[in-house]
Amino acid sequence: MQIRAASAADWPALWPIVKAAVDAGETYVWRPTPSSEEMRALWLAPAPWHICVAELDGEIVGTAKVGPNRPGRGAHVATASFIVSPDHQGRGVGRALGEYIVRWAMDAGYRGMQFNAVVATNTGAVALWQSLGFDVIGTVPKAFDHPTQGLVDLHVMYRTL
């Protein structure tokens, strides 16, 4: 698997992966049915954001983005988002992207990384982030409207870099 910086030319391959996550409605707070253009602007954010893709045999199978969690005096703490193609989940793509993003953020001078909204029912992601050194530092009760489980908790997770 190769992880590299994303480019605008990657969007046609990224859109089906992003759309699958949006359509599932189980991991992100985004509104249902955004257009490709809306999500492109959101996902392929300009600097200081860094967006990457994971490729396997030339196929894009996942993506991540990392940047400052807050502006100004909070910009030393990063945040990140991850999406793995449904066909490649459970195959180490998320771990590879997570390890890459943590290394990238450290090299970029960030002092910590905070995930603001990890859906508590996404137990695979919670376990992955814990295995990479993140702790649940807070839980917002019933802050996520899950399409099948109703209102569920959102975790805030943090790791010092």
N, C-alpha and C. Protein backbone atom coordinates (compact mmCIF):
# COMPACT_ATOMS: atom_id res chain seq x y z
N MET A 1 0.85 -1.18 0.00
CA MET A 1 0.00 0.00 0.00
C MET A 1 0.89 1.23 0.00
N GLN A 2 0.52 2.19 -0.82
CA GLN A 2 1.24 3.47 -0.89
C GLN A 2 0.31 4.56 -0.39
N ILE A 3 0.86 5.45 0.42
CA ILE A 3 0.11 6.63 0.86
C ILE A 3 0.85 7.84 0.32
N ARG A 4 0.07 8.70 -0.34
CA ARG A 4 0.67 9.88 -0.97
C ARG A 4 -0.27 11.06 -0.81
N ALA A 5 0.26 12.25 -1.06
CA ALA A 5 -0.56 13.46 -1.04
C ALA A 5 -1.62 13.37 -2.13
N ALA A 6 -2.81 13.81 -1.81
CA ALA A 6 -3.90 13.83 -2.79
C ALA A 6 -3.76 15.05 -3.68
N SER A 7 -4.35 14.96 -4.85
CA SER A 7 -4.42 16.11 -5.76
C SER A 7 -5.86 16.26 -6.23
N ALA A 8 -6.15 17.39 -6.82
CA ALA A 8 -7.50 17.63 -7.36
C ALA A 8 -7.87 16.57 -8.37
N ALA A 9 -6.90 16.03 -9.09
CA ALA A 9 -7.17 15.00 -10.09
C ALA A 9 -7.65 13.69 -9.48
N ASP A 10 -7.47 13.53 -8.16
CA ASP A 10 -7.92 12.30 -7.48
C ASP A 10 -9.42 12.32 -7.17
N TRP A 11 -10.07 13.49 -7.27
CA TRP A 11 -11.46 13.57 -6.82
C TRP A 11 -12.40 12.56 -7.49
N PRO A 12 -12.32 12.31 -8.79
CA PRO A 12 -13.23 11.32 -9.38
C PRO A 12 -13.13 9.93 -8.72
N ALA A 13 -11.95 9.56 -8.26
CA ALA A 13 -11.79 8.27 -7.55
C ALA A 13 -12.18 8.39 -6.09
N LEU A 14 -12.01 9.58 -5.51
CA LEU A 14 -12.35 9.78 -4.10
C LEU A 14 -13.86 9.92 -3.87
N TRP A 15 -14.55 10.55 -4.79
CA TRP A 15 -15.97 10.84 -4.59
C TRP A 15 -16.79 9.60 -4.26
N PRO A 16 -16.64 8.47 -4.95
CA PRO A 16 -17.44 7.29 -4.56
C PRO A 16 -17.13 6.80 -3.14
N ILE A 17 -15.90 6.95 -2.69
CA ILE A 17 -15.53 6.53 -1.34
C ILE A 17 -16.16 7.48 -0.32
N VAL A 18 -16.04 8.77 -0.57
CA VAL A 18 -16.63 9.77 0.32
C VAL A 18 -18.15 9.63 0.32
N LYS A 19 -18.74 9.47 -0.85
CA LYS A 19 -20.20 9.35 -0.97
C LYS A 19 -20.71 8.13 -0.21
N ALA A 20 -19.99 7.03 -0.25
CA ALA A 20 -20.40 5.83 0.48
C ALA A 20 -20.47 6.12 1.98
N ALA A 21 -19.50 6.86 2.50
CA ALA A 21 -19.51 7.20 3.93
C ALA A 21 -20.67 8.13 4.26
N VAL A 22 -20.89 9.12 3.39
CA VAL A 22 -22.00 10.06 3.61
C VAL A 22 -23.33 9.32 3.54
N ASP A 23 -23.50 8.49 2.52
CA ASP A 23 -24.76 7.76 2.34
C ASP A 23 -25.04 6.80 3.49
N ALA A 24 -24.00 6.16 4.02
CA ALA A 24 -24.18 5.23 5.15
C ALA A 24 -24.66 5.99 6.38
N GLY A 25 -24.17 7.20 6.57
CA GLY A 25 -24.61 8.04 7.67
C GLY A 25 -24.25 7.55 9.06
N GLU A 26 -23.24 6.71 9.17
CA GLU A 26 -22.91 6.08 10.45
C GLU A 26 -21.66 6.65 11.13
N THR A 27 -20.91 7.51 10.41
CA THR A 27 -19.63 7.94 10.98
C THR A 27 -19.37 9.44 10.92
N TYR A 28 -20.06 10.16 10.09
CA TYR A 28 -19.83 11.60 9.96
C TYR A 28 -21.12 12.37 10.17
N VAL A 29 -20.99 13.57 10.69
CA VAL A 29 -22.16 14.41 10.97
C VAL A 29 -22.63 15.20 9.75
N TRP A 30 -22.03 14.96 8.61
CA TRP A 30 -22.42 15.69 7.41
C TRP A 30 -23.89 15.47 7.09
N ARG A 31 -24.49 16.47 6.47
CA ARG A 31 -25.89 16.34 6.08
C ARG A 31 -26.01 15.30 4.96
N PRO A 32 -27.13 14.61 4.89
CA PRO A 32 -27.32 13.63 3.82
C PRO A 32 -27.35 14.29 2.44
N THR A 33 -26.96 13.54 1.46
CA THR A 33 -27.03 13.89 0.03
C THR A 33 -26.35 15.20 -0.37
N PRO A 34 -25.14 15.46 0.08
CA PRO A 34 -24.44 16.64 -0.45
C PRO A 34 -24.03 16.36 -1.89
N SER A 35 -23.78 17.41 -2.64
CA SER A 35 -23.30 17.23 -4.01
C SER A 35 -21.81 16.91 -4.00
N SER A 36 -21.35 16.40 -5.11
CA SER A 36 -19.92 16.13 -5.27
C SER A 36 -19.12 17.41 -5.08
N GLU A 37 -19.64 18.51 -5.59
CA GLU A 37 -18.92 19.79 -5.49
C GLU A 37 -18.81 20.26 -4.03
N GLU A 38 -19.91 20.10 -3.26
CA GLU A 38 -19.87 20.47 -1.84
C GLU A 38 -18.83 19.66 -1.09
N MET A 39 -18.84 18.35 -1.31
CA MET A 39 -17.91 17.47 -0.58
C MET A 39 -16.48 17.67 -1.06
N ARG A 40 -16.31 17.94 -2.33
CA ARG A 40 -14.96 18.21 -2.84
C ARG A 40 -14.37 19.42 -2.12
N ALA A 41 -15.16 20.49 -2.00
CA ALA A 41 -14.69 21.70 -1.32
C ALA A 41 -14.39 21.42 0.15
N LEU A 42 -15.20 20.58 0.77
CA LEU A 42 -15.00 20.25 2.18
C LEU A 42 -13.78 19.34 2.37
N TRP A 43 -13.68 18.30 1.56
CA TRP A 43 -12.62 17.30 1.76
C TRP A 43 -11.27 17.80 1.25
N LEU A 44 -11.23 18.38 0.06
CA LEU A 44 -9.97 18.83 -0.52
C LEU A 44 -9.69 20.28 -0.10
N ALA A 45 -9.68 20.48 1.20
CA ALA A 45 -9.47 21.81 1.77
C ALA A 45 -8.05 22.31 1.44
N PRO A 46 -7.90 23.61 1.28
CA PRO A 46 -6.58 24.17 0.98
C PRO A 46 -5.67 24.16 2.20
N ALA A 47 -4.40 24.46 1.99
CA ALA A 47 -3.44 24.58 3.09
C ALA A 47 -4.01 25.52 4.14
N PRO A 48 -3.81 25.21 5.39
CA PRO A 48 -2.79 24.32 5.95
C PRO A 48 -3.20 22.85 6.01
N TRP A 49 -4.32 22.50 5.42
CA TRP A 49 -4.75 21.10 5.43
C TRP A 49 -3.87 20.25 4.53
N HIS A 50 -3.65 19.02 4.96
CA HIS A 50 -2.92 18.03 4.17
C HIS A 50 -3.88 16.88 3.93
N ILE A 51 -4.11 16.56 2.68
CA ILE A 51 -5.01 15.47 2.31
C ILE A 51 -4.17 14.41 1.64
N CYS A 52 -4.43 13.17 2.00
CA CYS A 52 -3.68 12.07 1.41
C CYS A 52 -4.64 10.98 0.94
N VAL A 53 -4.10 10.10 0.12
CA VAL A 53 -4.85 8.93 -0.34
C VAL A 53 -4.00 7.69 -0.11
N ALA A 54 -4.69 6.58 0.12
CA ALA A 54 -4.05 5.27 0.21
C ALA A 54 -4.36 4.54 -1.09
N GLU A 55 -3.32 4.03 -1.73
CA GLU A 55 -3.49 3.29 -2.98
C GLU A 55 -3.03 1.86 -2.79
N LEU A 56 -3.77 0.95 -3.38
CA LEU A 56 -3.43 -0.46 -3.38
C LEU A 56 -3.51 -0.93 -4.82
N ASP A 57 -2.41 -1.36 -5.36
CA ASP A 57 -2.34 -1.79 -6.77
C ASP A 57 -2.91 -0.73 -7.71
N GLY A 58 -2.59 0.54 -7.43
CA GLY A 58 -3.01 1.64 -8.28
C GLY A 58 -4.43 2.13 -8.06
N GLU A 59 -5.17 1.50 -7.15
CA GLU A 59 -6.55 1.91 -6.86
C GLU A 59 -6.59 2.69 -5.55
N ILE A 60 -7.26 3.82 -5.54
CA ILE A 60 -7.44 4.58 -4.31
C ILE A 60 -8.46 3.85 -3.44
N VAL A 61 -8.02 3.49 -2.21
CA VAL A 61 -8.87 2.69 -1.31
C VAL A 61 -9.19 3.41 -0.01
N GLY A 62 -8.63 4.60 0.17
CA GLY A 62 -8.91 5.36 1.38
C GLY A 62 -8.31 6.74 1.28
N THR A 63 -8.71 7.58 2.22
CA THR A 63 -8.24 8.96 2.23
C THR A 63 -8.28 9.50 3.65
N ALA A 64 -7.47 10.49 3.89
CA ALA A 64 -7.46 11.16 5.19
C ALA A 64 -7.08 12.62 4.98
N LYS A 65 -7.46 13.43 5.95
CA LYS A 65 -7.06 14.84 5.93
C LYS A 65 -6.68 15.24 7.34
N VAL A 66 -5.69 16.11 7.44
CA VAL A 66 -5.21 16.58 8.74
C VAL A 66 -4.92 18.07 8.64
N GLY A 67 -5.21 18.75 9.72
CA GLY A 67 -4.95 20.18 9.78
C GLY A 67 -5.19 20.67 11.20
N PRO A 68 -5.13 21.98 11.39
CA PRO A 68 -5.31 22.52 12.74
C PRO A 68 -6.73 22.31 13.26
N ASN A 69 -6.81 21.89 14.53
CA ASN A 69 -8.12 21.70 15.14
C ASN A 69 -8.83 23.03 15.34
N ARG A 70 -8.08 24.04 15.67
CA ARG A 70 -8.60 25.39 15.89
C ARG A 70 -7.61 26.39 15.30
N PRO A 71 -8.05 27.59 14.99
CA PRO A 71 -7.13 28.60 14.48
C PRO A 71 -6.34 29.26 15.62
N GLY A 72 -5.41 30.09 15.24
CA GLY A 72 -4.70 30.93 16.21
C GLY A 72 -4.02 30.15 17.31
N ARG A 73 -4.39 30.46 18.54
CA ARG A 73 -3.72 29.86 19.71
C ARG A 73 -4.05 28.38 19.90
N GLY A 74 -4.93 27.84 19.10
CA GLY A 74 -5.22 26.42 19.15
C GLY A 74 -4.63 25.65 17.99
N ALA A 75 -3.90 26.33 17.13
CA ALA A 75 -3.42 25.72 15.89
C ALA A 75 -2.27 24.73 16.10
N HIS A 76 -1.77 24.58 17.31
CA HIS A 76 -0.69 23.61 17.57
C HIS A 76 -1.25 22.20 17.80
N VAL A 77 -2.57 22.08 17.88
CA VAL A 77 -3.23 20.78 18.01
C VAL A 77 -3.92 20.47 16.68
N ALA A 78 -3.64 19.30 16.14
CA ALA A 78 -4.21 18.88 14.86
C ALA A 78 -5.53 18.16 15.07
N THR A 79 -6.26 18.04 14.00
CA THR A 79 -7.41 17.16 13.93
C THR A 79 -7.30 16.42 12.61
N ALA A 80 -8.03 15.33 12.49
CA ALA A 80 -7.95 14.55 11.26
C ALA A 80 -9.27 13.82 11.03
N SER A 81 -9.48 13.47 9.77
CA SER A 81 -10.65 12.70 9.36
C SER A 81 -10.18 11.61 8.40
N PHE A 82 -10.89 10.49 8.40
CA PHE A 82 -10.48 9.32 7.63
C PHE A 82 -11.69 8.67 6.98
N ILE A 83 -11.50 8.18 5.77
CA ILE A 83 -12.54 7.40 5.09
C ILE A 83 -11.85 6.26 4.34
N VAL A 84 -12.35 5.05 4.55
CA VAL A 84 -11.84 3.88 3.84
C VAL A 84 -12.97 3.32 2.98
N SER A 85 -12.63 2.93 1.77
CA SER A 85 -13.61 2.32 0.88
C SER A 85 -14.29 1.15 1.58
N PRO A 86 -15.61 1.02 1.46
CA PRO A 86 -16.29 -0.11 2.10
C PRO A 86 -15.71 -1.47 1.69
N ASP A 87 -15.23 -1.56 0.45
CA ASP A 87 -14.65 -2.82 -0.04
C ASP A 87 -13.30 -3.15 0.59
N HIS A 88 -12.70 -2.20 1.27
CA HIS A 88 -11.35 -2.40 1.83
C HIS A 88 -11.30 -2.21 3.34
N GLN A 89 -12.43 -2.07 3.99
CA GLN A 89 -12.44 -1.94 5.44
C GLN A 89 -12.02 -3.24 6.09
N GLY A 90 -11.32 -3.12 7.22
CA GLY A 90 -10.84 -4.30 7.93
C GLY A 90 -9.58 -4.90 7.34
N ARG A 91 -8.92 -4.19 6.45
CA ARG A 91 -7.72 -4.72 5.78
C ARG A 91 -6.47 -3.90 6.08
N GLY A 92 -6.52 -3.05 7.09
CA GLY A 92 -5.35 -2.30 7.49
C GLY A 92 -5.20 -0.94 6.84
N VAL A 93 -6.15 -0.54 6.01
CA VAL A 93 -6.05 0.76 5.34
C VAL A 93 -6.19 1.89 6.37
N GLY A 94 -7.16 1.78 7.25
CA GLY A 94 -7.35 2.81 8.28
C GLY A 94 -6.14 2.94 9.18
N ARG A 95 -5.56 1.82 9.57
CA ARG A 95 -4.35 1.85 10.41
C ARG A 95 -3.20 2.53 9.66
N ALA A 96 -3.00 2.16 8.41
CA ALA A 96 -1.92 2.77 7.63
C ALA A 96 -2.13 4.28 7.50
N LEU A 97 -3.36 4.70 7.23
CA LEU A 97 -3.65 6.13 7.14
C LEU A 97 -3.44 6.81 8.50
N GLY A 98 -3.89 6.17 9.58
CA GLY A 98 -3.72 6.74 10.91
C GLY A 98 -2.25 6.91 11.27
N GLU A 99 -1.44 5.89 11.02
CA GLU A 99 -0.01 5.98 11.32
C GLU A 99 0.64 7.08 10.48
N TYR A 100 0.26 7.16 9.21
CA TYR A 100 0.81 8.19 8.32
C TYR A 100 0.46 9.59 8.84
N ILE A 101 -0.80 9.80 9.17
CA ILE A 101 -1.26 11.12 9.61
C ILE A 101 -0.59 11.53 10.91
N VAL A 102 -0.46 10.60 11.85
CA VAL A 102 0.22 10.93 13.11
C VAL A 102 1.67 11.35 12.84
N ARG A 103 2.36 10.58 12.00
CA ARG A 103 3.75 10.93 11.65
C ARG A 103 3.81 12.29 10.95
N TRP A 104 2.88 12.51 10.01
CA TRP A 104 2.87 13.76 9.27
C TRP A 104 2.66 14.94 10.23
N ALA A 105 1.71 14.80 11.13
CA ALA A 105 1.41 15.88 12.09
C ALA A 105 2.61 16.16 13.00
N MET A 106 3.28 15.11 13.44
CA MET A 106 4.47 15.30 14.27
C MET A 106 5.55 16.05 13.49
N ASP A 107 5.79 15.61 12.25
CA ASP A 107 6.80 16.26 11.42
C ASP A 107 6.44 17.71 11.12
N ALA A 108 5.14 18.01 11.06
CA ALA A 108 4.68 19.37 10.78
C ALA A 108 4.71 20.27 12.03
N GLY A 109 5.06 19.69 13.18
CA GLY A 109 5.21 20.49 14.39
C GLY A 109 3.99 20.55 15.30
N TYR A 110 2.96 19.79 14.99
CA TYR A 110 1.80 19.76 15.90
C TYR A 110 2.20 19.11 17.22
N ARG A 111 1.59 19.55 18.30
CA ARG A 111 1.93 19.05 19.65
C ARG A 111 0.94 18.01 20.15
N GLY A 112 -0.22 17.93 19.52
CA GLY A 112 -1.24 16.96 19.91
C GLY A 112 -2.20 16.78 18.75
N MET A 113 -3.08 15.77 18.88
CA MET A 113 -4.10 15.54 17.87
C MET A 113 -5.40 15.22 18.59
N GLN A 114 -6.46 15.88 18.16
CA GLN A 114 -7.78 15.72 18.77
C GLN A 114 -8.80 15.36 17.70
N PHE A 115 -9.54 14.30 17.98
CA PHE A 115 -10.67 13.94 17.13
C PHE A 115 -11.92 14.43 17.87
N ASN A 116 -12.68 15.29 17.23
CA ASN A 116 -13.79 15.96 17.89
C ASN A 116 -15.09 15.16 17.92
N ALA A 117 -15.24 14.19 17.04
CA ALA A 117 -16.53 13.53 16.93
C ALA A 117 -16.38 12.10 16.42
N VAL A 118 -15.92 11.20 17.29
CA VAL A 118 -15.83 9.78 16.93
C VAL A 118 -17.11 9.12 17.43
N VAL A 119 -17.91 8.62 16.50
CA VAL A 119 -19.19 8.02 16.86
C VAL A 119 -18.92 6.79 17.73
N ALA A 120 -19.52 6.75 18.91
CA ALA A 120 -19.25 5.69 19.88
C ALA A 120 -19.60 4.30 19.35
N THR A 121 -20.59 4.22 18.47
CA THR A 121 -20.97 2.91 17.92
C THR A 121 -19.99 2.45 16.84
N ASN A 122 -19.08 3.30 16.42
CA ASN A 122 -18.05 2.93 15.46
C ASN A 122 -16.89 2.31 16.23
N THR A 123 -17.16 1.14 16.80
CA THR A 123 -16.23 0.50 17.73
C THR A 123 -14.89 0.15 17.07
N GLY A 124 -14.91 -0.15 15.78
CA GLY A 124 -13.65 -0.43 15.09
C GLY A 124 -12.74 0.78 15.07
N ALA A 125 -13.32 1.95 14.79
CA ALA A 125 -12.51 3.18 14.78
C ALA A 125 -12.03 3.53 16.19
N VAL A 126 -12.91 3.40 17.17
CA VAL A 126 -12.51 3.70 18.56
C VAL A 126 -11.34 2.81 18.96
N ALA A 127 -11.43 1.52 18.68
CA ALA A 127 -10.35 0.58 19.03
C ALA A 127 -9.07 0.91 18.26
N LEU A 128 -9.20 1.25 16.98
CA LEU A 128 -8.02 1.60 16.19
C LEU A 128 -7.32 2.81 16.78
N TRP A 129 -8.08 3.87 17.07
CA TRP A 129 -7.45 5.08 17.60
C TRP A 129 -6.84 4.82 18.97
N GLN A 130 -7.48 4.01 19.79
CA GLN A 130 -6.89 3.68 21.09
C GLN A 130 -5.59 2.91 20.90
N SER A 131 -5.54 2.02 19.92
CA SER A 131 -4.31 1.26 19.68
C SER A 131 -3.19 2.16 19.17
N LEU A 132 -3.54 3.32 18.62
CA LEU A 132 -2.55 4.28 18.15
C LEU A 132 -2.26 5.37 19.19
N GLY A 133 -2.69 5.15 20.42
CA GLY A 133 -2.33 6.03 21.52
C GLY A 133 -3.34 7.11 21.87
N PHE A 134 -4.50 7.09 21.26
CA PHE A 134 -5.54 8.08 21.58
C PHE A 134 -6.36 7.61 22.76
N ASP A 135 -6.80 8.56 23.58
CA ASP A 135 -7.69 8.29 24.71
C ASP A 135 -9.00 9.00 24.49
N VAL A 136 -10.08 8.40 24.97
CA VAL A 136 -11.36 9.09 25.02
C VAL A 136 -11.26 10.06 26.19
N ILE A 137 -11.31 11.36 25.91
CA ILE A 137 -11.19 12.36 26.97
C ILE A 137 -12.53 12.98 27.33
N GLY A 138 -13.54 12.62 26.57
CA GLY A 138 -14.88 13.13 26.85
C GLY A 138 -15.88 12.46 25.94
N THR A 139 -17.11 12.45 26.38
CA THR A 139 -18.19 11.87 25.59
C THR A 139 -19.38 12.82 25.63
N VAL A 140 -19.90 13.14 24.48
CA VAL A 140 -21.08 13.99 24.38
C VAL A 140 -22.29 13.06 24.22
N PRO A 141 -23.15 13.00 25.22
CA PRO A 141 -24.27 12.05 25.16
C PRO A 141 -25.24 12.36 24.03
N LYS A 142 -25.58 11.31 23.30
CA LYS A 142 -26.63 11.36 22.27
C LYS A 142 -26.46 12.53 21.29
N ALA A 143 -25.22 12.80 20.90
CA ALA A 143 -24.93 13.93 20.02
C ALA A 143 -24.94 13.56 18.54
N PHE A 144 -25.12 12.28 18.23
CA PHE A 144 -25.11 11.83 16.83
C PHE A 144 -26.39 11.07 16.54
N ASP A 145 -27.03 11.44 15.44
CA ASP A 145 -28.27 10.79 15.04
C ASP A 145 -27.95 9.67 14.05
N HIS A 146 -27.76 8.47 14.59
CA HIS A 146 -27.39 7.30 13.79
C HIS A 146 -28.61 6.82 13.01
N PRO A 147 -28.43 6.44 11.74
CA PRO A 147 -29.59 6.08 10.91
C PRO A 147 -30.36 4.84 11.37
N THR A 148 -29.72 3.95 12.10
CA THR A 148 -30.43 2.74 12.56
C THR A 148 -30.49 2.62 14.08
N GLN A 149 -29.56 3.25 14.78
CA GLN A 149 -29.52 3.11 16.24
C GLN A 149 -30.06 4.33 16.99
N GLY A 150 -30.50 5.33 16.25
CA GLY A 150 -31.03 6.53 16.90
C GLY A 150 -29.92 7.38 17.47
N LEU A 151 -30.22 8.10 18.54
CA LEU A 151 -29.25 9.01 19.13
C LEU A 151 -28.19 8.23 19.90
N VAL A 152 -26.93 8.41 19.50
CA VAL A 152 -25.81 7.73 20.14
C VAL A 152 -24.76 8.77 20.53
N ASP A 153 -23.81 8.35 21.34
CA ASP A 153 -22.79 9.24 21.87
C ASP A 153 -21.69 9.53 20.84
N LEU A 154 -21.04 10.68 21.02
CA LEU A 154 -19.84 11.04 20.28
C LEU A 154 -18.68 11.16 21.27
N HIS A 155 -17.56 10.54 20.92
CA HIS A 155 -16.36 10.66 21.76
C HIS A 155 -15.47 11.77 21.24
N VAL A 156 -14.80 12.45 22.15
CA VAL A 156 -13.68 13.32 21.84
C VAL A 156 -12.44 12.50 22.22
N MET A 157 -11.52 12.34 21.29
CA MET A 157 -10.33 11.53 21.54
C MET A 157 -9.10 12.42 21.33
N TYR A 158 -8.04 12.13 22.12
CA TYR A 158 -6.86 12.98 22.09
C TYR A 158 -5.60 12.14 22.26
N ARG A 159 -4.53 12.63 21.65
CA ARG A 159 -3.21 12.04 21.82
C ARG A 159 -2.17 13.16 21.77
N THR A 160 -1.22 13.12 22.68
CA THR A 160 -0.08 14.03 22.64
C THR A 160 0.86 13.53 21.55
N LEU A 161 1.45 14.45 20.80
CA LEU A 161 2.40 14.07 19.76
C LEU A 161 3.82 14.40 20.17
